[in-house]
PDB file of N, CA and C in Angstrom:
ATOM      1  N   MET A   1      12.378 -12.579  -6.786  1.00  0.00           N
ATOM      2  CA  MET A   1      13.730 -12.263  -7.131  1.00  0.00           C
ATOM      3  C   MET A   1      14.705 -12.928  -6.163  1.00  0.00           C
ATOM      4  N   ILE A   2      14.388 -12.835  -4.900  1.00  0.00           N
ATOM      5  CA  ILE A   2      15.259 -13.433  -3.889  1.00  0.00           C
ATOM      6  C   ILE A   2      15.329 -14.944  -4.082  1.00  0.00           C
ATOM      7  N   SER A   3      14.176 -15.551  -4.376  1.00  0.00           N
ATOM      8  CA  SER A   3      14.169 -17.004  -4.584  1.00  0.00           C
ATOM      9  C   SER A   3      14.952 -17.419  -5.823  1.00  0.00           C
ATOM     10  N   GLN A   4      15.222 -16.469  -6.706  1.00  0.00           N
ATOM     11  CA  GLN A   4      16.018 -16.738  -7.905  1.00  0.00           C
ATOM     12  C   GLN A   4      17.494 -16.421  -7.705  1.00  0.00           C
ATOM     13  N   GLY A   5      17.876 -16.061  -6.451  1.00  0.00           N
ATOM     14  CA  GLY A   5      19.278 -15.857  -6.131  1.00  0.00           C
ATOM     15  C   GLY A   5      19.763 -14.423  -6.127  1.00  0.00           C
ATOM     16  N   ILE A   6      18.862 -13.460  -6.291  1.00  0.00           N
ATOM     17  CA  ILE A   6      19.269 -12.056  -6.234  1.00  0.00           C
ATOM     18  C   ILE A   6      19.449 -11.675  -4.761  1.00  0.00           C
ATOM     19  N   PRO A   7      20.608 -11.184  -4.355  1.00  0.00           N
ATOM     20  CA  PRO A   7      20.804 -10.777  -2.958  1.00  0.00           C
ATOM     21  C   PRO A   7      19.863  -9.626  -2.582  1.00  0.00           C
ATOM     22  N   GLN A   8      19.281  -9.699  -1.400  1.00  0.00           N
ATOM     23  CA  GLN A   8      18.330  -8.682  -0.946  1.00  0.00           C
ATOM     24  C   GLN A   8      18.892  -7.272  -1.030  1.00  0.00           C
ATOM     25  N   GLN A   9      20.165  -7.115  -0.692  1.00  0.00           N
ATOM     26  CA  GLN A   9      20.755  -5.780  -0.645  1.00  0.00           C
ATOM     27  C   GLN A   9      20.913  -5.159  -2.035  1.00  0.00           C
ATOM     28  N   LYS A  10      20.696  -5.940  -3.079  1.00  0.00           N
ATOM     29  CA  LYS A  10      20.801  -5.410  -4.438  1.00  0.00           C
ATOM     30  C   LYS A  10      19.447  -5.067  -5.047  1.00  0.00           C
ATOM     31  N   ILE A  11      18.374  -5.266  -4.288  1.00  0.00           N
ATOM     32  CA  ILE A  11      17.038  -4.996  -4.803  1.00  0.00           C
ATOM     33  C   ILE A  11      16.633  -3.567  -4.467  1.00  0.00           C
ATOM     34  N   VAL A  12      16.240  -2.843  -5.488  1.00  0.00           N
ATOM     35  CA  VAL A  12      15.760  -1.469  -5.349  1.00  0.00           C
ATOM     36  C   VAL A  12      14.317  -1.441  -5.837  1.00  0.00           C
ATOM     37  N   ILE A  13      13.434  -0.848  -5.056  1.00  0.00           N
ATOM     38  CA  ILE A  13      12.033  -0.718  -5.445  1.00  0.00           C
ATOM     39  C   ILE A  13      11.862   0.616  -6.157  1.00  0.00           C
ATOM     40  N   GLY A  14      11.428   0.565  -7.400  1.00  0.00           N
ATOM     41  CA  GLY A  14      11.208   1.776  -8.187  1.00  0.00           C
ATOM     42  C   GLY A  14       9.742   1.980  -8.481  1.00  0.00           C
ATOM     43  N   LYS A  15       9.250   3.179  -8.214  1.00  0.00           N
ATOM     44  CA  LYS A  15       7.844   3.508  -8.439  1.00  0.00           C
ATOM     45  C   LYS A  15       7.727   4.940  -8.938  1.00  0.00           C
ATOM     46  N   PRO A  16       6.639   5.258  -9.645  1.00  0.00           N
ATOM     47  CA  PRO A  16       6.377   6.642 -10.025  1.00  0.00           C
ATOM     48  C   PRO A  16       6.158   7.502  -8.781  1.00  0.00           C
ATOM     49  N   VAL A  17       6.657   8.727  -8.811  1.00  0.00           N
ATOM     50  CA  VAL A  17       6.508   9.635  -7.664  1.00  0.00           C
ATOM     51  C   VAL A  17       5.077  10.143  -7.545  1.00  0.00           C
ATOM     52  N   THR A  18       4.454  10.471  -8.662  1.00  0.00           N
ATOM     53  CA  THR A  18       3.061  10.937  -8.654  1.00  0.00           C
ATOM     54  C   THR A  18       2.223  10.017  -9.532  1.00  0.00           C
ATOM     55  N   GLN A  19       0.927  10.040  -9.327  1.00  0.00           N
ATOM     56  CA  GLN A  19       0.054   9.214 -10.149  1.00  0.00           C
ATOM     57  C   GLN A  19       0.151   9.621 -11.617  1.00  0.00           C
ATOM     58  N   GLY A  20       0.368  10.902 -11.876  1.00  0.00           N
ATOM     59  CA  GLY A  20       0.524  11.375 -13.238  1.00  0.00           C
ATOM     60  C   GLY A  20       1.765  10.831 -13.926  1.00  0.00           C
ATOM     61  N   ASP A  21       2.751  10.406 -13.171  1.00  0.00           N
ATOM     62  CA  ASP A  21       3.974   9.835 -13.737  1.00  0.00           C
ATOM     63  C   ASP A  21       3.793   8.378 -14.148  1.00  0.00           C
ATOM     64  N   ALA A  22       2.719   7.736 -13.701  1.00  0.00           N
ATOM     65  CA  ALA A  22       2.525   6.310 -13.928  1.00  0.00           C
ATOM     66  C   ALA A  22       1.940   5.994 -15.299  1.00  0.00           C
ATOM     67  N   TYR A  23       1.191   6.872 -15.876  1.00  0.00           N
ATOM     68  CA  TYR A  23       0.515   6.681 -17.153  1.00  0.00           C
ATOM     69  C   TYR A  23      -0.527   5.579 -17.098  1.00  0.00           C
ATOM     70  N   ASN A  24      -0.165   4.366 -16.768  1.00  0.00           N
ATOM     71  CA  ASN A  24      -1.177   3.313 -16.784  1.00  0.00           C
ATOM     72  C   ASN A  24      -1.128   2.373 -15.580  1.00  0.00           C
ATOM     73  N   THR A  25      -0.007   2.277 -14.871  1.00  0.00           N
ATOM     74  CA  THR A  25       0.077   1.307 -13.781  1.00  0.00           C
ATOM     75  C   THR A  25       1.318   1.568 -12.924  1.00  0.00           C
ATOM     76  N   GLY A  26       1.368   0.952 -11.764  1.00  0.00           N
ATOM     77  CA  GLY A  26       2.578   0.991 -10.956  1.00  0.00           C
ATOM     78  C   GLY A  26       2.589   1.985  -9.817  1.00  0.00           C
ATOM     79  N   PHE A  27       1.640   2.927  -9.782  1.00  0.00           N
ATOM     80  CA  PHE A  27       1.679   3.946  -8.741  1.00  0.00           C
ATOM     81  C   PHE A  27       1.241   3.377  -7.393  1.00  0.00           C
ATOM     82  N   MET A  28       1.975   3.749  -6.351  1.00  0.00           N
ATOM     83  CA  MET A  28       1.586   3.502  -4.954  1.00  0.00           C
ATOM     84  C   MET A  28       1.822   4.795  -4.209  1.00  0.00           C
ATOM     85  N   ASN A  29       0.898   5.171  -3.319  1.00  0.00           N
ATOM     86  CA  ASN A  29       1.176   6.389  -2.556  1.00  0.00           C
ATOM     87  C   ASN A  29       2.345   6.125  -1.617  1.00  0.00           C
ATOM     88  N   ALA A  30       2.995   7.185  -1.222  1.00  0.00           N
ATOM     89  CA  ALA A  30       4.232   7.072  -0.436  1.00  0.00           C
ATOM     90  C   ALA A  30       4.024   6.316   0.869  1.00  0.00           C
ATOM     91  N   GLY A  31       2.895   6.509   1.513  1.00  0.00           N
ATOM     92  CA  GLY A  31       2.628   5.818   2.777  1.00  0.00           C
ATOM     93  C   GLY A  31       2.545   4.310   2.610  1.00  0.00           C
ATOM     94  N   ASP A  32       1.832   3.867   1.572  1.00  0.00           N
ATOM     95  CA  ASP A  32       1.726   2.429   1.307  1.00  0.00           C
ATOM     96  C   ASP A  32       3.082   1.842   0.919  1.00  0.00           C
ATOM     97  N   LEU A  33       3.823   2.581   0.111  1.00  0.00           N
ATOM     98  CA  LEU A  33       5.142   2.119  -0.300  1.00  0.00           C
ATOM     99  C   LEU A  33       6.089   2.039   0.903  1.00  0.00           C
ATOM    100  N   ALA A  34       5.995   3.011   1.799  1.00  0.00           N
ATOM    101  CA  ALA A  34       6.805   2.988   3.020  1.00  0.00           C
ATOM    102  C   ALA A  34       6.469   1.771   3.876  1.00  0.00           C
ATOM    103  N   ASN A  35       5.183   1.414   3.957  1.00  0.00           N
ATOM    104  CA  ASN A  35       4.795   0.219   4.710  1.00  0.00           C
ATOM    105  C   ASN A  35       5.402  -1.039   4.097  1.00  0.00           C
ATOM    106  N   CYS A  36       5.442  -1.106   2.763  1.00  0.00           N
ATOM    107  CA  CYS A  36       6.101  -2.239   2.095  1.00  0.00           C
ATOM    108  C   CYS A  36       7.579  -2.281   2.469  1.00  0.00           C
ATOM    109  N   GLY A  37       8.209  -1.107   2.507  1.00  0.00           N
ATOM    110  CA  GLY A  37       9.618  -1.036   2.879  1.00  0.00           C
ATOM    111  C   GLY A  37       9.856  -1.511   4.299  1.00  0.00           C
ATOM    112  N   LYS A  38       8.969  -1.139   5.208  1.00  0.00           N
ATOM    113  CA  LYS A  38       9.096  -1.580   6.602  1.00  0.00           C
ATOM    114  C   LYS A  38       8.975  -3.099   6.702  1.00  0.00           C
ATOM    115  N   GLN A  39       7.999  -3.655   5.993  1.00  0.00           N
ATOM    116  CA  GLN A  39       7.814  -5.112   6.012  1.00  0.00           C
ATOM    117  C   GLN A  39       9.037  -5.822   5.435  1.00  0.00           C
ATOM    118  N   ALA A  40       9.528  -5.317   4.321  1.00  0.00           N
ATOM    119  CA  ALA A  40      10.689  -5.941   3.689  1.00  0.00           C
ATOM    120  C   ALA A  40      11.925  -5.834   4.581  1.00  0.00           C
ATOM    121  N   LYS A  41      12.090  -4.672   5.208  1.00  0.00           N
ATOM    122  CA  LYS A  41      13.228  -4.494   6.108  1.00  0.00           C
ATOM    123  C   LYS A  41      13.154  -5.484   7.267  1.00  0.00           C
ATOM    124  N   GLY A  42      11.948  -5.736   7.759  1.00  0.00           N
ATOM    125  CA  GLY A  42      11.751  -6.704   8.826  1.00  0.00           C
ATOM    126  C   GLY A  42      12.128  -8.124   8.414  1.00  0.00           C
ATOM    127  N   GLN A  43      12.205  -8.359   7.105  1.00  0.00           N
ATOM    128  CA  GLN A  43      12.582  -9.674   6.582  1.00  0.00           C
ATOM    129  C   GLN A  43      14.024  -9.686   6.080  1.00  0.00           C
ATOM    130  N   GLY A  44      14.778  -8.632   6.438  1.00  0.00           N
ATOM    131  CA  GLY A  44      16.195  -8.618   6.115  1.00  0.00           C
ATOM    132  C   GLY A  44      16.596  -7.786   4.915  1.00  0.00           C
ATOM    133  N   TRP A  45      15.628  -7.184   4.217  1.00  0.00           N
ATOM    134  CA  TRP A  45      15.949  -6.369   3.045  1.00  0.00           C
ATOM    135  C   TRP A  45      16.644  -5.095   3.472  1.00  0.00           C
ATOM    136  N   ASN A  46      17.683  -4.717   2.771  1.00  0.00           N
ATOM    137  CA  ASN A  46      18.354  -3.448   3.067  1.00  0.00           C
ATOM    138  C   ASN A  46      18.721  -2.735   1.767  1.00  0.00           C
ATOM    139  N   GLY A  47      17.823  -2.855   0.788  1.00  0.00           N
ATOM    140  CA  GLY A  47      18.004  -2.181  -0.494  1.00  0.00           C
ATOM    141  C   GLY A  47      17.583  -0.728  -0.400  1.00  0.00           C
ATOM    142  N   GLY A  48      16.860  -0.256  -1.374  1.00  0.00           N
ATOM    143  CA  GLY A  48      16.448   1.139  -1.375  1.00  0.00           C
ATOM    144  C   GLY A  48      15.286   1.393  -2.309  1.00  0.00           C
ATOM    145  N   PHE A  49      14.966   2.686  -2.484  1.00  0.00           N
ATOM    146  CA  PHE A  49      13.865   3.117  -3.323  1.00  0.00           C
ATOM    147  C   PHE A  49      14.384   3.998  -4.453  1.00  0.00           C
ATOM    148  N   MET A  50      13.673   3.973  -5.566  1.00  0.00           N
ATOM    149  CA  MET A  50      13.972   4.823  -6.699  1.00  0.00           C
ATOM    150  C   MET A  50      12.656   5.435  -7.163  1.00  0.00           C
ATOM    151  N   GLY A  51      12.667   6.729  -7.412  1.00  0.00           N
ATOM    152  CA  GLY A  51      11.461   7.404  -7.878  1.00  0.00           C
ATOM    153  C   GLY A  51      11.550   7.794  -9.338  1.00  0.00           C
ATOM    154  N   TRP A  52      10.543   7.361 -10.125  1.00  0.00           N
ATOM    155  CA  TRP A  52      10.458   7.781 -11.512  1.00  0.00           C
ATOM    156  C   TRP A  52       9.927   9.213 -11.540  1.00  0.00           C
ATOM    157  N   GLN A  53      10.641  10.056 -12.213  1.00  0.00           N
ATOM    158  CA  GLN A  53      10.359  11.490 -12.257  1.00  0.00           C
ATOM    159  C   GLN A  53      10.570  12.098 -10.869  1.00  0.00           C
ATOM    160  N   PHE A  54      11.728  11.791 -10.300  1.00  0.00           N
ATOM    161  CA  PHE A  54      12.071  12.278  -8.956  1.00  0.00           C
ATOM    162  C   PHE A  54      11.929  13.793  -8.849  1.00  0.00           C
ATOM    163  N   SER A  55      12.104  14.499  -9.954  1.00  0.00           N
ATOM    164  CA  SER A  55      11.967  15.967  -9.917  1.00  0.00           C
ATOM    165  C   SER A  55      10.557  16.397  -9.537  1.00  0.00           C
ATOM    166  N   HIS A  56       9.588  15.488  -9.618  1.00  0.00           N
ATOM    167  CA  HIS A  56       8.218  15.823  -9.216  1.00  0.00           C
ATOM    168  C   HIS A  56       8.030  15.777  -7.702  1.00  0.00           C
ATOM    169  N   ASP A  57       9.053  15.389  -6.974  1.00  0.00           N
ATOM    170  CA  ASP A  57       9.033  15.410  -5.503  1.00  0.00           C
ATOM    171  C   ASP A  57       9.715  16.702  -5.034  1.00  0.00           C
ATOM    172  N   ALA A  58       9.188  17.811  -5.502  1.00  0.00           N
ATOM    173  CA  ALA A  58       9.837  19.113  -5.296  1.00  0.00           C
ATOM    174  C   ALA A  58      10.046  19.463  -3.824  1.00  0.00           C
ATOM    175  N   ASP A  59       9.110  19.081  -2.961  1.00  0.00           N
ATOM    176  CA  ASP A  59       9.255  19.424  -1.546  1.00  0.00           C
ATOM    177  C   ASP A  59       9.931  18.330  -0.725  1.00  0.00           C
ATOM    178  N   GLY A  60      10.266  17.220  -1.362  1.00  0.00           N
ATOM    179  CA  GLY A  60      10.964  16.140  -0.674  1.00  0.00           C
ATOM    180  C   GLY A  60      10.083  15.242   0.176  1.00  0.00           C
ATOM    181  N   SER A  61       8.771  15.440   0.146  1.00  0.00           N
ATOM    182  CA  SER A  61       7.895  14.651   1.020  1.00  0.00           C
ATOM    183  C   SER A  61       7.871  13.170   0.641  1.00  0.00           C
ATOM    184  N   TRP A  62       7.942  12.871  -0.650  1.00  0.00           N
ATOM    185  CA  TRP A  62       7.910  11.470  -1.098  1.00  0.00           C
ATOM    186  C   TRP A  62       9.133  10.732  -0.559  1.00  0.00           C
ATOM    187  N   ILE A  63      10.304  11.256  -0.815  1.00  0.00           N
ATOM    188  CA  ILE A  63      11.528  10.563  -0.394  1.00  0.00           C
ATOM    189  C   ILE A  63      11.679  10.567   1.126  1.00  0.00           C
ATOM    190  N   ASN A  64      11.250  11.617   1.789  1.00  0.00           N
ATOM    191  CA  ASN A  64      11.339  11.653   3.254  1.00  0.00           C
ATOM    192  C   ASN A  64      10.448  10.591   3.887  1.00  0.00           C
ATOM    193  N   THR A  65       9.265  10.374   3.318  1.00  0.00           N
ATOM    194  CA  THR A  65       8.370   9.327   3.822  1.00  0.00           C
ATOM    195  C   THR A  65       9.019   7.952   3.662  1.00  0.00           C
ATOM    196  N   LEU A  66       9.636   7.722   2.512  1.00  0.00           N
ATOM    197  CA  LEU A  66      10.276   6.429   2.269  1.00  0.00           C
ATOM    198  C   LEU A  66      11.532   6.253   3.103  1.00  0.00           C
ATOM    199  N   ALA A  67      12.325   7.294   3.234  1.00  0.00           N
ATOM    200  CA  ALA A  67      13.554   7.216   4.041  1.00  0.00           C
ATOM    201  C   ALA A  67      13.233   6.871   5.491  1.00  0.00           C
ATOM    202  N   ALA A  68      12.140   7.424   6.004  1.00  0.00           N
ATOM    203  CA  ALA A  68      11.755   7.142   7.389  1.00  0.00           C
ATOM    204  C   ALA A  68      11.439   5.665   7.595  1.00  0.00           C
ATOM    205  N   SER A  69      10.964   4.996   6.534  1.00  0.00           N
ATOM    206  CA  SER A  69      10.621   3.565   6.663  1.00  0.00           C
ATOM    207  C   SER A  69      11.872   2.692   6.734  1.00  0.00           C
ATOM    208  N   LEU A  70      13.027   3.236   6.388  1.00  0.00           N
ATOM    209  CA  LEU A  70      14.257   2.452   6.393  1.00  0.00           C
ATOM    210  C   LEU A  70      15.060   2.630   7.673  1.00  0.00           C
ATOM    211  N   ASP A  71      14.604   3.474   8.574  1.00  0.00           N
ATOM    212  CA  ASP A  71      15.318   3.689   9.856  1.00  0.00           C
ATOM    213  C   ASP A  71      15.188   2.505  10.767  1.00  0.00           C
TER     214      ASP A  71
END
C-alpha cells in the first residue's frame, strides 16, 4: 500500500477480535498482531488498529494489548 502512494498514517490494520469472528481467515492473536504493530511503528507507521466484532473484546484485553504496542 505504501509503495502505491498511500500515506502510512492513513493505514489501519483490521482483524477479527476472536477466532470465531474470522469464519475462514484473517485471525491473528493479539500478541502477534501487537508485534506487527511494533515493527511497523519502527518503520514510521503511525496508523491504528480496528477490530471486527469489537464487542467481543468485553474485558478490553485485545485493544489494550494492541494499544501498548503503539506507545
